[in-house]
C-alpha cells in the first residue's frame, strides 16, 4: 500500500482538503496503476511559523492563495 503525507498550514476548509486528496489520489493512481482505494493519504496541519521556506518562516495561511487554486485546477485537469 502506498502512503502519502501532506504537511500544510492550518486554514483550509474540509472541502479544499477533500478536493486536494481526490486530485492527488487520481493522479497517483494514474501514474502508478495502483487503485486509489489502496493509497493511504494523511494531511497534517500546522501553523505558518512551523514552515520555513528559503530561510524564512511562512505567515499564517490566508484563504484564496493563488497557489492553492492553481494546484487544485491542475490536478482536476489531469483527470
Protein backbone atom coordinates (compact mmCIF):
# COMPACT_ATOMS: atom_id res chain seq x y z
CA UNK A 1 0.00 0.00 0.00
CA UNK A 2 1.28 3.44 -0.95
CA UNK A 3 1.35 6.08 1.78
CA UNK A 4 1.32 9.80 1.02
CA UNK A 5 1.68 12.52 3.61
CA UNK A 6 0.96 16.18 3.10
CA UNK A 7 2.02 18.91 5.51
CA UNK A 8 0.29 22.26 5.19
CA UNK A 9 -0.68 25.29 7.18
CA UNK A 10 -3.95 25.45 9.11
CA UNK A 11 -6.78 27.32 7.44
CA UNK A 12 -8.09 25.31 4.53
CA UNK A 13 -11.67 24.12 4.56
CA UNK A 14 -12.71 20.48 4.63
CA UNK A 15 -13.94 20.94 1.06
CA UNK A 16 -10.48 22.16 -0.05
CA UNK A 17 -8.80 19.22 1.67
CA UNK A 18 -11.22 16.76 0.05
CA UNK A 19 -10.53 18.27 -3.38
CA UNK A 20 -6.78 18.09 -2.80
CA UNK A 21 -6.96 14.47 -1.64
CA UNK A 22 -9.21 13.41 -4.52
CA UNK A 23 -6.98 15.06 -7.10
CA UNK A 24 -3.77 13.62 -5.69
CA UNK A 25 -5.26 10.15 -5.38
CA UNK A 26 -6.41 10.25 -9.02
CA UNK A 27 -3.06 11.49 -10.34
CA UNK A 28 -1.02 8.99 -8.32
CA UNK A 29 -3.35 6.15 -9.26
CA UNK A 30 -2.99 7.02 -12.94
CA UNK A 31 0.80 7.31 -12.67
CA UNK A 32 1.36 4.10 -10.74
CA UNK A 33 -1.57 1.92 -11.74
CA UNK A 34 -2.39 1.39 -8.08
CA UNK A 35 -6.06 1.71 -7.20
CA UNK A 36 -6.91 4.94 -5.38
CA UNK A 37 -8.59 2.80 -2.71
CA UNK A 38 -5.19 1.21 -1.97
CA UNK A 39 -3.48 4.56 -1.29
CA UNK A 40 -3.28 5.86 2.28
CA UNK A 41 -3.25 9.67 2.38
CA UNK A 42 -2.57 11.77 5.50
CA UNK A 43 -2.90 15.54 5.86
CA UNK A 44 -1.04 17.15 8.75
CA UNK A 45 -1.65 20.79 9.55
CA UNK A 46 0.47 23.29 11.41
CA UNK A 47 0.89 26.99 12.00
CA UNK A 48 2.80 29.04 9.44
CA UNK A 49 5.68 29.58 11.87
CA UNK A 50 6.39 25.84 11.68
CA UNK A 51 7.17 26.04 7.95
CA UNK A 52 10.42 27.57 6.69
CA UNK A 53 10.97 28.34 3.02
CA UNK A 54 14.19 29.87 1.71
CA UNK A 55 15.23 30.61 5.28
CA UNK A 56 12.04 32.48 6.19
CA UNK A 57 9.15 31.35 8.37
CA UNK A 58 5.89 31.40 6.48
CA UNK A 59 2.96 33.57 7.56
CA UNK A 60 -0.31 32.01 8.60
CA UNK A 61 -2.38 30.70 5.70
CA UNK A 62 -4.89 33.09 4.14
CA UNK A 63 -7.83 31.84 2.13
CA UNK A 64 -7.72 32.32 -1.59
CA UNK A 65 -3.98 31.96 -2.12
CA UNK A 66 -3.32 31.69 -5.86
CA UNK A 67 -1.04 28.67 -5.45
CA UNK A 68 -3.84 26.58 -3.91
CA UNK A 69 -6.30 27.40 -6.68
CA UNK A 70 -3.68 26.70 -9.35
CA UNK A 71 -2.75 23.35 -7.77
CA UNK A 72 -6.34 22.14 -7.47
CA UNK A 73 -7.14 23.31 -11.01
CA UNK A 74 -4.09 21.47 -12.37
CA UNK A 75 -4.98 18.28 -10.50
CA UNK A 76 -8.56 18.41 -11.79
CA UNK A 77 -7.35 18.90 -15.38
CA UNK A 78 -5.25 15.74 -15.27
CA UNK A 79 -8.30 13.52 -14.81
